[in-house]
């Protein structure tokens, strides 16, 4: 009786073992079929996080913060006013630049107008030069005649053929002719100097305005550029949002004096969130740009599915870009499987319906046989 029980118990145990082996075998076959038919078409990871190109807002001009219109977590649209700086200093610079431009335009117009005046001045001096030259010829002739008359009269003094009054008269005539000649020579030198001076002034004036008008003159263009920059700086006292998004990390306060380049706040464009999925290097063999990706976040769970595409690959592994990169040149080296960040572009409509914040955990699965 006892032996029969043992045989029955052994047979029963053997049947259980056989059934278990068959079950394991069927599970293995089923898993293999599942992997071959479905599982091999996908690679997945839960090492994925939302990210975005955050817009950092800094000050382009210095000044005192006059008004702050936003706070952290506030949604803003592109072009919305974030804050204002006191515009007094910037307005003064605009007024100064405008005055400088007006003064420059008048000066250049003076150069242009002076060109005609200098030309007329040169013509007048050349006419004076010709006139004096003609007068010099006549004066030289008169002087020579007076000199000859004087010498003749002086030669006759010893014979008493000329009176003292006549000698005096001839001397006076000679002295007057000589004085007139010297006067005209001095005048000629003055006219020549004035003519050369006018020509020099004309050359300088021509060099200042040659090939230009008052509108395109370099000095005017430089003054206009300063005015434009001053107006731009005035406009920059009103700081606007560069993108649609949510205000984060606001550090600026009312009354604060900011310098050029001072960090003020950040705008997170949540509508342009993407996912950085870190896949093991061995899983990326079949991953290509444009392949379809399904994702879900820990925030909403599996009830909200996002759809995206592979948008790019990082230029290196996460370890390569670490603050302190790993050094594998030691004697006790152990191979560590590396992960490569893969950028995944999300559907904007789905993001709008179910917004995501930066840094949320995500689960991503890539269909390696798909291609958009």
Protein backbone atom coordinates (compact mmCIF):
# COMPACT_ATOMS: atom_id res chain seq x y z
CA UNK A 1 0.00 0.00 0.00
CA UNK A 2 2.82 2.28 0.89
CA UNK A 3 4.66 1.55 -2.36
CA UNK A 4 1.56 2.38 -4.41
CA UNK A 5 1.33 5.76 -2.69
CA UNK A 6 4.97 6.48 -3.43
CA UNK A 7 4.51 5.53 -7.07
CA UNK A 8 1.45 7.73 -7.36
CA UNK A 9 3.27 10.64 -5.66
CA UNK A 10 6.32 10.19 -7.92
CA UNK A 11 4.19 10.04 -11.01
CA UNK A 12 2.30 13.11 -9.98
CA UNK A 13 5.53 15.01 -9.33
CA UNK A 14 6.94 13.94 -12.67
CA UNK A 15 3.81 15.16 -14.43
CA UNK A 16 4.15 18.54 -12.69
CA UNK A 17 7.80 18.79 -13.72
CA UNK A 18 6.99 17.87 -17.30
CA UNK A 19 4.17 20.36 -17.41
CA UNK A 20 6.47 23.05 -15.95
CA UNK A 21 9.14 22.29 -18.52
CA UNK A 22 6.57 22.39 -21.31
CA UNK A 23 5.23 25.68 -19.94
CA UNK A 24 8.72 27.19 -19.81
CA UNK A 25 9.37 25.92 -23.32
CA UNK A 26 6.12 27.43 -24.60
CA UNK A 27 6.88 30.72 -22.83
CA UNK A 28 10.32 30.76 -24.43
CA UNK A 29 8.89 30.04 -27.84
CA UNK A 30 6.20 32.68 -27.29
CA UNK A 31 8.78 35.21 -26.18
CA UNK A 32 10.93 34.46 -29.17
CA UNK A 33 7.99 34.80 -31.53
CA UNK A 34 6.96 38.04 -29.80
CA UNK A 35 10.51 39.41 -30.07
CA UNK A 36 10.86 38.39 -33.70
CA UNK A 37 7.42 39.63 -34.78
CA UNK A 38 7.04 42.73 -32.57
CA UNK A 39 9.70 43.38 -29.94
CA UNK A 40 12.68 43.60 -32.33
CA UNK A 41 10.98 46.48 -34.12
CA UNK A 42 11.28 48.78 -31.09
CA UNK A 43 13.89 50.15 -28.73
CA UNK A 44 12.84 51.86 -25.55
CA UNK A 45 14.18 53.66 -22.48
CA UNK A 46 12.86 55.26 -19.32
CA UNK A 47 16.01 57.40 -19.05
CA UNK A 48 14.45 60.34 -20.86
CA UNK A 49 13.64 63.90 -19.81
CA UNK A 50 11.92 66.95 -21.26
CA UNK A 51 14.11 69.86 -22.30
CA UNK A 52 13.87 73.16 -24.17
CA UNK A 53 16.05 76.02 -25.44
CA UNK A 54 15.38 78.50 -22.63
CA UNK A 55 15.41 82.19 -23.59
CA UNK A 56 17.58 84.10 -21.11
CA UNK A 57 16.62 87.77 -20.95
CA UNK A 58 19.47 90.19 -20.25
CA UNK A 59 19.74 93.96 -20.32
CA UNK A 60 21.14 95.54 -23.51
CA UNK A 61 21.47 98.94 -21.82
CA UNK A 62 22.15 100.13 -18.31
CA UNK A 63 19.62 101.90 -16.13
CA UNK A 64 17.30 101.82 -13.15
CA UNK A 65 14.37 99.39 -13.27
CA UNK A 66 11.25 101.55 -13.37
CA UNK A 67 8.58 98.87 -13.80
CA UNK A 68 8.39 95.05 -13.64
CA UNK A 69 5.31 93.62 -15.34
CA UNK A 70 5.74 89.85 -14.80
CA UNK A 71 6.31 87.27 -12.09
CA UNK A 72 7.48 83.68 -11.98
CA UNK A 73 5.08 81.09 -13.51
CA UNK A 74 3.30 83.81 -15.53
CA UNK A 75 2.55 82.98 -19.17
CA UNK A 76 3.66 85.57 -21.72
CA UNK A 77 3.52 85.96 -25.48
CA UNK A 78 6.24 87.11 -27.81
CA UNK A 79 6.41 90.92 -27.70
CA UNK A 80 4.77 91.28 -24.27
CA UNK A 81 6.45 93.90 -22.05
CA UNK A 82 8.45 92.25 -19.27
CA UNK A 83 9.94 95.34 -17.61
CA UNK A 84 10.94 98.95 -18.24
CA UNK A 85 14.07 100.90 -17.41
CA UNK A 86 14.13 104.63 -16.67
CA UNK A 87 14.44 106.21 -20.16
CA UNK A 88 15.79 109.64 -19.11
CA UNK A 89 19.47 108.96 -19.81
CA UNK A 90 18.70 107.21 -23.10
CA UNK A 91 16.42 110.09 -24.18
CA UNK A 92 19.18 112.60 -23.43
CA UNK A 93 21.54 110.65 -25.66
CA UNK A 94 18.94 110.70 -28.45
CA UNK A 95 18.60 114.47 -28.14
CA UNK A 96 22.38 114.87 -28.12
CA UNK A 97 22.76 112.67 -31.20
CA UNK A 98 20.00 114.58 -33.01
CA UNK A 99 21.71 117.89 -32.26
CA UNK A 100 25.03 116.49 -33.46
CA UNK A 101 23.40 115.34 -36.71
CA UNK A 102 21.82 118.74 -37.33
CA UNK A 103 25.15 120.47 -36.67
CA UNK A 104 26.99 118.08 -38.97
CA UNK A 105 24.48 118.56 -41.80
CA UNK A 106 24.84 122.33 -41.54
CA UNK A 107 28.63 122.09 -41.52
CA UNK A 108 28.68 119.87 -44.63
CA UNK A 109 26.22 122.16 -46.40
CA UNK A 110 28.64 124.97 -45.54
CA UNK A 111 31.48 123.00 -47.15
CA UNK A 112 29.42 122.52 -50.30
CA UNK A 113 28.39 126.16 -50.45
CA UNK A 114 31.94 127.29 -49.68
CA UNK A 115 33.20 125.41 -52.74
CA UNK A 116 31.43 127.89 -55.04
CA UNK A 117 32.58 130.84 -52.96
CA UNK A 118 36.23 129.72 -53.09
CA UNK A 119 36.00 129.25 -56.86
CA UNK A 120 34.71 132.82 -57.25
CA UNK A 121 37.42 134.03 -54.88
CA UNK A 122 40.13 132.40 -57.00
CA UNK A 123 38.68 133.92 -60.17
CA UNK A 124 38.64 137.37 -58.54
CA UNK A 125 42.22 137.00 -57.28
CA UNK A 126 43.40 135.90 -60.73
CA UNK A 127 41.68 138.97 -62.24
CA UNK A 128 43.39 141.18 -59.64
CA UNK A 129 46.69 139.53 -60.48
CA UNK A 130 46.28 140.36 -64.19
CA UNK A 131 45.23 143.93 -63.35
CA UNK A 132 48.24 144.49 -61.10
CA UNK A 133 50.54 142.97 -63.68
CA UNK A 134 49.28 145.51 -66.23
CA UNK A 135 49.71 148.32 -63.72
CA UNK A 136 53.22 147.07 -62.89
CA UNK A 137 54.21 147.24 -66.55
CA UNK A 138 53.01 150.86 -66.73
CA UNK A 139 54.62 151.73 -63.39
CA UNK A 140 57.90 150.10 -64.45
CA UNK A 141 57.83 152.20 -67.63
CA UNK A 142 57.13 155.39 -65.67
CA UNK A 143 59.91 154.56 -63.22
CA UNK A 144 62.45 153.97 -65.99
CA UNK A 145 61.44 157.25 -67.72
CA UNK A 146 61.76 159.15 -64.40
CA UNK A 147 65.15 157.55 -63.77
CA UNK A 148 66.43 158.53 -67.23
CA UNK A 149 65.13 162.12 -66.82
CA UNK A 150 66.79 162.41 -63.42
CA UNK A 151 70.15 161.17 -64.73
CA UNK A 152 70.00 163.63 -67.65
CA UNK A 153 69.21 166.57 -65.38
CA UNK A 154 71.95 165.55 -62.94
CA UNK A 155 74.48 165.48 -65.81
CA UNK A 156 73.58 169.11 -66.71
CA UNK A 157 73.87 170.52 -63.18
CA UNK A 158 77.58 171.31 -63.54
CA UNK A 159 77.01 173.35 -66.74
CA UNK A 160 74.15 175.30 -65.15
CA UNK A 161 71.82 174.30 -68.00
CA UNK A 162 69.04 173.27 -65.54
CA UNK A 163 67.60 175.18 -62.66
CA UNK A 164 67.35 173.90 -59.09
CA UNK A 165 63.53 173.92 -59.32
CA UNK A 166 63.61 171.66 -62.37
CA UNK A 167 66.00 169.25 -60.64
CA UNK A 168 63.68 169.13 -57.62
CA UNK A 169 60.67 168.50 -59.81
CA UNK A 170 62.42 165.64 -61.65
CA UNK A 171 63.56 164.10 -58.33
CA UNK A 172 60.02 164.26 -56.97
CA UNK A 173 58.71 162.60 -60.12
CA UNK A 174 61.34 159.86 -59.78
CA UNK A 175 60.57 159.31 -56.10
CA UNK A 176 56.84 159.10 -56.86
CA UNK A 177 57.37 156.61 -59.71
CA UNK A 178 59.58 154.45 -57.49
CA UNK A 179 57.08 154.53 -54.63
CA UNK A 180 54.26 153.60 -57.00
CA UNK A 181 56.32 150.70 -58.40
CA UNK A 182 57.14 149.39 -54.92
CA UNK A 183 53.51 149.74 -53.89
CA UNK A 184 52.32 147.73 -56.88
CA UNK A 185 54.96 145.06 -56.27
CA UNK A 186 53.82 144.73 -52.65
CA UNK A 187 50.22 144.54 -53.84
CA UNK A 188 51.20 141.83 -56.34
CA UNK A 189 52.85 139.79 -53.59
CA UNK A 190 49.70 140.11 -51.46
CA UNK A 191 47.48 139.06 -54.35
CA UNK A 192 49.72 136.07 -55.12
CA UNK A 193 49.62 135.02 -51.46
CA UNK A 194 45.83 135.38 -51.35
CA UNK A 195 45.52 133.40 -54.58
CA UNK A 196 47.65 130.54 -53.27
CA UNK A 197 45.74 130.57 -49.99
CA UNK A 198 42.40 130.43 -51.84
CA UNK A 199 43.65 127.54 -54.00
CA UNK A 200 44.81 125.66 -50.87
CA UNK A 201 41.48 126.24 -49.16
CA UNK A 202 39.69 125.01 -52.27
CA UNK A 203 41.81 121.83 -52.36
CA UNK A 204 41.02 121.09 -48.70
CA UNK A 205 37.34 121.87 -49.18
CA UNK A 206 37.21 119.70 -52.31
CA UNK A 207 38.83 116.80 -50.43
CA UNK A 208 36.14 117.10 -47.74
CA UNK A 209 33.17 116.93 -50.12
CA UNK A 210 34.46 115.28 -53.29
CA UNK A 211 32.01 112.69 -54.66
CA UNK A 212 29.42 113.28 -51.94
CA UNK A 213 26.32 115.25 -51.11
CA UNK A 214 25.32 116.39 -47.65
CA UNK A 215 23.04 113.33 -47.44
CA UNK A 216 25.70 110.68 -48.08
CA UNK A 217 28.73 112.48 -46.64
CA UNK A 218 30.71 110.22 -44.25
CA UNK A 219 30.40 112.67 -41.35
CA UNK A 220 26.63 112.86 -41.83
CA UNK A 221 26.36 109.07 -42.12
CA UNK A 222 28.36 108.67 -38.91
CA UNK A 223 26.10 111.16 -37.12
CA UNK A 224 23.02 109.32 -38.43
CA UNK A 225 24.43 106.01 -37.18
CA UNK A 226 24.94 107.50 -33.71
CA UNK A 227 21.37 108.77 -33.73
CA UNK A 228 20.04 105.35 -34.80
CA UNK A 229 22.02 103.66 -32.04
CA UNK A 230 20.74 106.16 -29.49
CA UNK A 231 17.14 105.47 -30.58
CA UNK A 232 17.76 101.72 -30.42
CA UNK A 233 19.12 102.10 -26.88
CA UNK A 234 16.02 104.11 -25.98
CA UNK A 235 13.77 101.36 -27.38
CA UNK A 236 15.75 98.80 -25.38
CA UNK A 237 14.72 100.43 -22.13
CA UNK A 238 11.43 98.62 -22.75
CA UNK A 239 12.33 94.91 -22.52
CA UNK A 240 9.95 92.52 -24.27
CA UNK A 241 9.57 88.77 -24.33
CA UNK A 242 11.49 87.16 -27.22
CA UNK A 243 9.22 84.06 -27.31
CA UNK A 244 5.94 82.63 -26.08
CA UNK A 245 6.47 80.88 -22.77
CA UNK A 246 6.44 80.90 -18.99
CA UNK A 247 8.47 83.26 -16.76
CA UNK A 248 11.08 81.48 -14.65
CA UNK A 249 14.03 82.43 -12.42
CA UNK A 250 13.09 86.11 -12.22
CA UNK A 251 15.90 87.93 -10.43
CA UNK A 252 15.25 91.54 -11.37
CA UNK A 253 13.57 93.81 -8.81
CA UNK A 254 11.94 97.24 -8.96
CA UNK A 255 14.47 100.04 -8.43
CA UNK A 256 17.46 97.83 -9.20
CA UNK A 257 20.29 99.45 -11.18
CA UNK A 258 21.24 97.03 -13.96
CA UNK A 259 24.29 97.07 -16.18
CA UNK A 260 24.65 95.96 -19.78
CA UNK A 261 24.46 92.16 -19.86
CA UNK A 262 22.82 91.79 -16.43
CA UNK A 263 20.71 88.61 -16.24
CA UNK A 264 17.08 89.51 -15.55
CA UNK A 265 14.88 86.43 -15.99
CA UNK A 266 14.19 83.45 -18.25
CA UNK A 267 11.30 82.66 -20.55
CA UNK A 268 10.65 78.93 -21.00
CA UNK A 269 8.92 78.21 -24.35
CA UNK A 270 6.92 75.22 -23.10
CA UNK A 271 5.18 74.87 -26.47
CA UNK A 272 8.55 73.89 -27.98
CA UNK A 273 9.52 71.26 -25.43
CA UNK A 274 11.45 68.28 -26.79
CA UNK A 275 12.70 65.10 -25.16
CA UNK A 276 16.30 64.04 -24.65
CA UNK A 277 16.18 60.25 -24.45
CA UNK A 278 19.36 58.49 -23.29
CA UNK A 279 19.62 55.14 -25.07
CA UNK A 280 22.27 52.54 -24.43
CA UNK A 281 24.86 52.55 -27.19
CA UNK A 282 24.00 48.99 -28.21
CA UNK A 283 20.37 49.92 -28.93
CA UNK A 284 21.15 52.65 -31.47
CA UNK A 285 22.24 50.40 -34.34
CA UNK A 286 18.91 50.67 -36.16
CA UNK A 287 17.82 54.12 -34.91
CA UNK A 288 17.64 56.70 -37.72
CA UNK A 289 16.47 60.29 -38.14
CA UNK A 290 12.75 60.64 -38.77
CA UNK A 291 11.67 57.39 -37.08
CA UNK A 292 8.43 57.49 -35.11
CA UNK A 293 8.47 57.60 -31.32
CA UNK A 294 5.72 57.05 -28.76
CA UNK A 295 6.16 58.51 -25.31
CA UNK A 296 4.39 59.00 -22.02
CA UNK A 297 5.32 61.06 -18.99
CA UNK A 298 5.30 60.28 -15.30
CA UNK A 299 3.19 63.43 -14.90
CA UNK A 300 0.16 62.11 -16.81
CA UNK A 301 0.95 58.41 -16.89
CA UNK A 302 0.16 55.99 -19.73
CA UNK A 303 -3.28 57.51 -20.24
CA UNK A 304 -1.68 60.37 -22.22
CA UNK A 305 0.45 59.21 -25.14
CA UNK A 306 2.69 61.62 -27.06
CA UNK A 307 3.91 61.06 -30.58
CA UNK A 308 7.19 62.33 -31.93
CA UNK A 309 10.04 61.69 -34.32
CA UNK A 310 13.79 61.23 -33.92
CA UNK A 311 15.17 64.71 -34.55
CA UNK A 312 18.89 64.30 -33.91
CA UNK A 313 21.74 62.64 -32.06
CA UNK A 314 24.15 64.17 -29.58
CA UNK A 315 27.74 64.61 -30.67
CA UNK A 316 28.90 62.44 -27.78
CA UNK A 317 27.82 60.37 -24.82
CA UNK A 318 26.65 61.89 -21.57
CA UNK A 319 29.90 60.88 -19.89
CA UNK A 320 31.95 62.69 -22.55
CA UNK A 321 30.28 65.99 -21.70
CA UNK A 322 30.36 65.53 -17.95
CA UNK A 323 32.03 68.22 -15.83
CA UNK A 324 34.62 65.62 -14.82
CA UNK A 325 34.86 63.13 -17.74
CA UNK A 326 35.58 59.50 -16.87
CA UNK A 327 39.22 58.39 -17.17
CA UNK A 328 39.58 54.78 -18.34
CA UNK A 329 43.36 54.62 -18.48
CA UNK A 330 43.72 52.95 -15.07
CA UNK A 331 44.77 49.37 -14.38
CA UNK A 332 41.44 48.43 -12.80
CA UNK A 333 39.37 49.51 -15.80
CA UNK A 334 35.81 48.19 -15.99
CA UNK A 335 33.72 48.65 -19.11
CA UNK A 336 30.59 50.72 -18.51
CA UNK A 337 27.84 50.76 -21.12
CA UNK A 338 27.45 54.34 -22.29
CA UNK A 339 24.27 56.20 -23.16
CA UNK A 340 23.84 58.59 -26.08
CA UNK A 341 21.26 61.44 -25.90
CA UNK A 342 18.73 61.26 -28.73
CA UNK A 343 16.62 64.35 -29.40
CA UNK A 344 12.94 63.66 -30.00
CA UNK A 345 10.62 66.27 -31.48
CA UNK A 346 7.10 66.21 -30.03
CA UNK A 347 3.76 66.99 -31.68
CA UNK A 348 2.91 70.65 -30.98
CA UNK A 349 -0.85 69.97 -30.91
CA UNK A 350 -0.42 67.28 -28.28
CA UNK A 351 1.83 69.57 -26.26
CA UNK A 352 -0.79 72.30 -26.38
CA UNK A 353 -3.45 69.88 -25.15
CA UNK A 354 -1.24 68.37 -22.43
CA UNK A 355 1.57 70.81 -21.59
CA UNK A 356 4.89 69.58 -20.22
CA UNK A 357 7.42 71.32 -18.03
CA UNK A 358 11.18 71.16 -18.39
CA UNK A 359 12.92 68.28 -16.63
CA UNK A 360 10.00 65.82 -16.41
CA UNK A 361 10.71 62.11 -16.65
CA UNK A 362 9.55 60.43 -19.85
CA UNK A 363 9.36 56.92 -21.28
CA UNK A 364 10.24 56.65 -24.99
CA UNK A 365 9.85 53.83 -27.50
CA UNK A 366 11.23 54.15 -31.04
CA UNK A 367 9.79 52.20 -33.95
CA UNK A 368 13.04 51.36 -35.76
CA UNK A 369 11.20 50.15 -38.88
CA UNK A 370 9.31 53.38 -39.39
CA UNK A 371 10.48 56.37 -41.39
CA UNK A 372 8.63 59.61 -42.06
